[in-house]
N, C-alpha and C. Protein backbone atom coordinates (compact mmCIF):
# COMPACT_ATOMS: atom_id res chain seq x y z
N VAL A 1 88.50 116.99 90.24
CA VAL A 1 89.78 116.85 89.37
C VAL A 1 90.15 115.45 89.25
N VAL A 2 89.94 114.82 90.56
CA VAL A 2 90.30 113.44 90.96
C VAL A 2 89.54 112.59 90.04
N ASP A 3 87.97 113.00 89.87
CA ASP A 3 86.98 111.85 89.35
C ASP A 3 87.34 112.07 87.94
N GLU A 4 88.02 113.16 87.41
CA GLU A 4 88.64 113.40 85.81
C GLU A 4 89.58 112.49 85.62
N GLY A 5 90.74 112.42 86.50
CA GLY A 5 91.84 111.75 86.26
C GLY A 5 91.57 110.30 86.39
N VAL A 6 90.83 109.61 87.03
CA VAL A 6 90.45 108.38 87.54
C VAL A 6 89.76 107.86 85.91
N ALA A 7 88.90 108.82 85.55
CA ALA A 7 88.10 108.29 84.35
C ALA A 7 89.37 108.15 83.11
N GLN A 8 90.07 109.13 83.19
CA GLN A 8 91.04 108.93 81.99
C GLN A 8 92.01 107.81 82.39
N LEU A 9 92.30 107.53 83.48
CA LEU A 9 93.18 106.10 83.90
C LEU A 9 92.18 104.97 83.50
N LEU A 10 91.11 105.05 83.59
CA LEU A 10 90.25 103.42 83.49
C LEU A 10 89.99 103.69 81.80
N ALA A 11 90.15 104.59 81.57
CA ALA A 11 90.01 104.63 79.78
C ALA A 11 90.92 104.04 79.26
N ALA A 12 92.37 104.05 79.75
CA ALA A 12 93.35 103.78 79.02
C ALA A 12 93.18 102.04 78.56
N ASP A 13 93.96 101.40 77.58
CA ASP A 13 93.77 100.25 77.02
C ASP A 13 95.15 99.65 77.26
N PRO A 14 95.59 98.81 78.22
CA PRO A 14 94.77 98.17 79.12
C PRO A 14 94.65 99.03 80.43
N PRO A 15 93.31 99.07 80.93
CA PRO A 15 93.32 100.02 82.21
C PRO A 15 94.63 99.52 83.38
N PRO A 16 94.68 100.44 84.28
CA PRO A 16 95.96 100.46 85.40
C PRO A 16 95.41 99.07 86.25
N THR A 17 96.26 98.40 87.00
CA THR A 17 95.96 97.79 88.07
C THR A 17 96.08 98.27 89.53
N ALA A 18 96.83 99.17 89.08
CA ALA A 18 97.20 100.16 90.66
C ALA A 18 97.14 101.62 90.09
N ILE A 19 97.09 102.23 91.03
CA ILE A 19 97.13 103.78 91.03
C ILE A 19 97.77 104.48 91.93
N VAL A 20 99.00 105.24 92.15
CA VAL A 20 99.80 105.95 92.88
C VAL A 20 99.55 107.54 92.90
N VAL A 21 99.32 107.67 94.32
CA VAL A 21 99.26 109.41 94.21
C VAL A 21 99.75 110.08 95.18
N SER A 22 100.04 111.34 95.10
CA SER A 22 101.09 112.06 95.83
C SER A 22 100.56 112.27 97.20
N THR A 23 99.10 112.28 97.51
CA THR A 23 98.75 112.80 99.06
C THR A 23 97.83 111.62 99.56
N THR A 24 97.47 111.66 100.88
CA THR A 24 96.66 110.88 101.49
C THR A 24 95.14 111.12 101.25
N ALA A 25 95.10 112.45 100.89
CA ALA A 25 93.99 112.75 100.82
C ALA A 25 93.19 112.79 99.26
N MET A 26 94.25 112.98 98.31
CA MET A 26 93.86 112.41 96.86
C MET A 26 93.48 110.90 96.89
N GLY A 27 94.23 109.95 97.57
CA GLY A 27 94.10 108.75 97.72
C GLY A 27 92.68 108.22 97.91
N THR A 28 92.11 109.01 99.30
CA THR A 28 90.81 108.98 99.89
C THR A 28 89.88 109.13 98.75
N HIS A 29 90.08 110.12 97.90
CA HIS A 29 89.27 110.50 96.50
C HIS A 29 89.46 109.52 95.41
N VAL A 30 90.52 109.13 95.44
CA VAL A 30 90.53 108.08 94.27
C VAL A 30 89.86 106.84 94.77
N LEU A 31 90.14 106.33 95.94
CA LEU A 31 88.85 105.09 96.58
C LEU A 31 87.33 105.50 96.33
N ALA A 32 87.33 106.55 96.87
CA ALA A 32 85.63 106.91 96.67
C ALA A 32 85.41 106.94 95.38
N SER A 33 86.01 107.68 94.37
CA SER A 33 85.81 107.29 92.73
C SER A 33 85.79 106.03 92.18
N LEU A 34 86.83 105.16 92.51
CA LEU A 34 86.76 104.03 92.17
C LEU A 34 85.63 103.37 92.53
N ASN A 35 85.12 103.25 93.73
CA ASN A 35 84.27 102.99 94.45
C ASN A 35 82.56 103.50 94.02
N ASP A 36 82.61 104.44 93.27
CA ASP A 36 81.20 105.08 92.71
C ASP A 36 81.02 104.26 91.24
N ARG A 37 82.36 104.15 90.65
CA ARG A 37 82.43 103.42 89.35
C ARG A 37 81.84 101.76 89.33
N GLY A 38 81.67 101.37 90.84
CA GLY A 38 81.53 100.00 90.83
C GLY A 38 82.77 99.03 91.19
N LEU A 39 83.89 99.70 91.28
CA LEU A 39 85.15 98.85 91.06
C LEU A 39 85.48 98.38 92.76
N ARG A 40 85.93 97.55 92.62
CA ARG A 40 86.31 96.83 94.21
C ARG A 40 87.86 97.25 94.09
N VAL A 41 88.38 97.70 95.35
CA VAL A 41 89.56 97.93 95.80
C VAL A 41 89.71 96.98 97.17
N PRO A 42 91.23 96.15 96.74
CA PRO A 42 92.18 96.17 95.95
C PRO A 42 91.71 94.75 94.55
N THR A 43 90.48 94.35 94.58
CA THR A 43 90.47 93.19 93.70
C THR A 43 90.53 93.77 92.40
N ASP A 44 90.14 95.27 92.20
CA ASP A 44 89.85 95.52 90.63
C ASP A 44 91.47 96.35 90.59
N VAL A 45 91.28 97.27 91.42
CA VAL A 45 92.66 98.28 91.16
C VAL A 45 93.33 98.43 92.69
N SER A 46 94.33 98.45 92.79
CA SER A 46 95.23 98.78 94.05
C SER A 46 95.35 100.34 94.15
N VAL A 47 95.55 101.06 94.98
CA VAL A 47 95.56 102.19 95.39
C VAL A 47 96.46 102.63 96.47
N VAL A 48 97.71 103.78 96.39
CA VAL A 48 98.94 103.65 97.22
C VAL A 48 99.11 105.09 97.27
N ALA A 49 99.36 105.69 98.25
CA ALA A 49 99.41 107.12 98.21
C ALA A 49 100.77 107.47 99.12
N TYR A 50 101.36 108.62 98.92
CA TYR A 50 102.52 109.24 99.74
C TYR A 50 101.61 110.29 100.65
N GLY A 51 101.67 110.09 102.09
CA GLY A 51 101.40 110.86 103.10
C GLY A 51 101.76 110.73 104.69
N GLN A 52 100.07 110.59 105.39
CA GLN A 52 100.36 110.65 106.91
C GLN A 52 99.32 109.55 107.10
N GLY A 53 99.87 108.44 108.06
CA GLY A 53 99.34 107.46 108.79
C GLY A 53 97.69 107.51 109.06
N GLU A 54 97.31 108.78 109.61
CA GLU A 54 96.12 109.22 110.55
C GLU A 54 95.01 109.04 109.41
N ALA A 55 95.24 110.05 108.24
CA ALA A 55 94.14 110.02 107.17
C ALA A 55 93.86 108.56 106.56
N ALA A 56 95.18 108.14 106.50
CA ALA A 56 95.21 106.92 105.80
C ALA A 56 94.60 105.58 106.39
N ALA A 57 94.48 105.57 107.85
CA ALA A 57 93.79 104.87 108.88
C ALA A 57 92.15 104.93 108.33
N GLN A 58 91.69 106.13 108.05
CA GLN A 58 90.14 106.48 108.50
C GLN A 58 89.71 106.05 106.80
N ALA A 59 90.68 105.87 106.21
CA ALA A 59 90.21 105.64 104.62
C ALA A 59 89.02 104.27 104.64
N ARG A 60 88.71 104.02 103.91
CA ARG A 60 87.74 102.99 103.66
C ARG A 60 87.75 102.31 101.86
N PRO A 61 88.73 101.04 101.76
CA PRO A 61 89.39 100.45 102.84
C PRO A 61 90.93 101.12 102.94
N ARG A 62 91.07 100.87 104.13
CA ARG A 62 92.66 101.29 104.99
C ARG A 62 93.45 101.60 103.45
N LEU A 63 94.04 102.86 103.60
CA LEU A 63 94.78 103.32 102.30
C LEU A 63 96.56 102.47 102.88
N SER A 64 97.19 101.87 101.63
CA SER A 64 98.45 102.22 101.78
C SER A 64 99.19 103.08 101.53
N ILE A 65 100.46 103.16 102.35
CA ILE A 65 100.96 104.37 102.33
C ILE A 65 102.46 104.49 102.31
N VAL A 66 102.93 105.01 101.89
CA VAL A 66 104.52 105.66 101.91
C VAL A 66 104.41 106.52 102.78
N GLU A 67 104.61 106.43 104.10
CA GLU A 67 104.63 107.92 105.28
C GLU A 67 105.87 108.37 105.07
N LEU A 68 105.40 109.78 105.07
CA LEU A 68 106.67 110.73 104.85
C LEU A 68 106.71 111.83 106.35
N PRO A 69 107.93 111.97 106.61
CA PRO A 69 107.99 112.81 107.85
C PRO A 69 107.77 114.37 107.59
N LEU A 70 106.63 114.47 107.59
CA LEU A 70 106.22 115.81 107.48
C LEU A 70 107.01 117.21 107.94
N LYS A 71 107.24 116.85 109.35
CA LYS A 71 107.92 117.86 110.13
C LYS A 71 109.19 117.93 109.58
N THR A 72 110.22 117.06 108.96
CA THR A 72 111.15 117.04 108.41
C THR A 72 111.18 118.09 107.18
N ILE A 73 110.57 117.64 106.34
CA ILE A 73 110.21 118.23 105.15
C ILE A 73 110.09 119.58 105.59
N GLY A 74 108.93 120.17 106.31
CA GLY A 74 108.34 121.25 106.47
C GLY A 74 110.07 122.00 106.87
N ARG A 75 110.56 121.52 107.48
CA ARG A 75 111.91 122.06 107.88
C ARG A 75 113.08 122.31 106.52
N VAL A 76 113.06 121.24 105.74
CA VAL A 76 113.76 121.40 105.09
C VAL A 76 113.83 122.19 103.72
N VAL A 77 112.54 121.86 103.13
CA VAL A 77 111.97 122.59 102.05
C VAL A 77 112.31 124.36 102.17
N PRO A 78 112.07 125.11 102.89
CA PRO A 78 112.13 126.42 103.14
C PRO A 78 113.73 126.68 103.18
N GLU A 79 114.48 126.28 103.70
CA GLU A 79 115.90 125.98 103.27
C GLU A 79 116.36 125.89 101.95
N ILE A 80 115.77 125.25 101.36
CA ILE A 80 116.22 124.51 99.83
C ILE A 80 115.99 125.83 98.96
N ILE A 81 114.45 126.25 99.08
CA ILE A 81 113.99 127.54 98.41
C ILE A 81 115.02 128.61 98.63
N GLN A 82 115.19 128.82 99.92
CA GLN A 82 116.24 130.06 100.00
C GLN A 82 117.45 130.20 99.44
N ARG A 83 117.83 128.99 99.39
CA ARG A 83 119.34 128.90 98.69
C ARG A 83 119.33 129.04 97.28
N ARG A 84 118.06 128.53 96.92
CA ARG A 84 117.71 128.71 95.27
C ARG A 84 117.36 130.12 94.75
N LEU A 85 116.95 130.68 95.50
CA LEU A 85 116.60 132.07 95.15
C LEU A 85 118.00 133.11 95.53
N ALA A 86 118.95 132.57 96.22
CA ALA A 86 119.73 133.40 96.57
C ALA A 86 120.67 132.76 95.68
N ASP A 87 120.93 131.68 94.96
CA ASP A 87 121.71 131.69 93.73
C ASP A 87 121.06 130.82 92.79
N PRO A 88 120.08 131.12 91.98
CA PRO A 88 119.34 130.35 90.96
C PRO A 88 120.42 129.84 89.90
N GLU A 89 121.62 130.04 90.06
CA GLU A 89 122.52 128.96 88.87
C GLU A 89 123.19 128.01 90.03
N SER A 90 122.85 127.94 90.96
CA SER A 90 123.48 126.76 91.73
C SER A 90 123.02 125.15 91.50
N SER A 91 123.99 124.43 91.73
CA SER A 91 123.81 123.06 91.33
C SER A 91 122.59 122.85 92.27
N PRO A 92 121.88 121.63 91.36
CA PRO A 92 120.38 121.10 92.23
C PRO A 92 120.97 120.61 93.76
N LEU A 93 120.34 120.60 94.67
CA LEU A 93 120.40 119.85 95.61
C LEU A 93 119.45 118.43 95.41
N SER A 94 120.41 117.44 96.09
CA SER A 94 119.83 116.18 96.24
C SER A 94 119.49 115.95 97.64
N LEU A 95 118.26 115.33 98.11
CA LEU A 95 117.82 115.23 99.39
C LEU A 95 117.13 113.44 99.84
N GLN A 96 117.73 113.16 100.29
CA GLN A 96 117.24 111.91 100.50
C GLN A 96 116.29 112.07 102.27
N ILE A 97 114.98 111.64 102.21
CA ILE A 97 114.25 111.62 103.40
C ILE A 97 113.69 110.09 103.55
N GLU A 98 114.05 109.99 104.67
CA GLU A 98 113.41 108.59 105.25
C GLU A 98 112.07 108.28 105.54
N ALA A 99 111.65 107.28 104.91
CA ALA A 99 110.17 107.28 104.76
C ALA A 99 109.66 105.69 105.29
N SER A 100 108.55 105.20 105.49
CA SER A 100 108.32 104.21 106.19
C SER A 100 106.93 103.65 105.37
N TRP A 101 106.86 102.27 105.17
CA TRP A 101 105.83 101.65 104.38
C TRP A 101 104.69 101.16 105.76
N ARG A 102 103.70 101.49 104.97
CA ARG A 102 102.64 101.59 105.92
C ARG A 102 101.18 100.56 105.49
N PRO A 103 101.59 99.46 105.46
CA PRO A 103 100.51 98.64 104.59
C PRO A 103 99.19 98.89 104.88
N GLY A 104 98.13 99.06 104.20
CA GLY A 104 96.69 98.94 104.38
C GLY A 104 96.00 98.07 103.89
N ALA A 105 94.68 98.13 103.41
CA ALA A 105 93.93 96.99 102.93
C ALA A 105 93.53 97.50 101.15
N SER A 106 94.54 98.61 100.92
CA SER A 106 94.11 99.36 99.34
C SER A 106 95.24 98.65 98.26
N LEU A 107 95.75 97.70 98.81
CA LEU A 107 97.19 96.86 97.97
C LEU A 107 96.68 95.64 97.95
N GLY A 108 96.70 95.16 96.40
CA GLY A 108 96.42 93.79 96.36
C GLY A 108 97.69 93.19 95.66
N PRO A 109 97.70 92.17 95.44
CA PRO A 109 98.93 91.06 94.78
C PRO A 109 99.28 91.94 93.46
N VAL A 110 100.51 91.67 92.93
CA VAL A 110 100.88 92.10 91.76
C VAL A 110 100.29 91.34 90.55
N ARG A 111 99.86 92.07 89.56
CA ARG A 111 99.29 91.41 88.46
C ARG A 111 99.74 91.70 87.05
N GLY A 112 99.68 90.99 86.07
CA GLY A 112 100.18 91.74 84.91
C GLY A 112 101.04 91.08 84.14
N ALA A 113 101.95 91.72 83.32
CA ALA A 113 103.22 91.22 82.42
C ALA A 113 104.08 90.29 83.63
N GLY A 114 104.33 89.37 83.26
CA GLY A 114 105.14 88.16 84.28
C GLY A 114 104.76 87.67 85.32
N SER A 115 103.33 88.29 86.06
CA SER A 115 102.79 87.54 86.98
C SER A 115 102.14 86.55 86.85
N ALA A 116 101.69 85.72 87.88
CA ALA A 116 101.16 84.43 87.62
C ALA A 116 99.52 84.49 88.21
């Protein structure tokens, strides 16, 4: 699935200069898919993921991530689901969770419109 998604993204005109994915596992697969296609990360394409630092540190190149507090998310999400199930017509909840930026080696300089 990741390979198919990467192929679709790269077929775009113009192709992306960065890919942002929802998990470090997916980010690792995107890195491998780009490598298999002969693309260099971050020279040709940058990759950023949401996730955990341990998995990001093991990726090659080391994946740049927005690190999420999974224990907090795991504690809060079931409560939100229970509230919604108890009252499906209730107003949606807005939730803010503090995350941390963990730079890796998969993020290059900004390119494209307006950049030098």
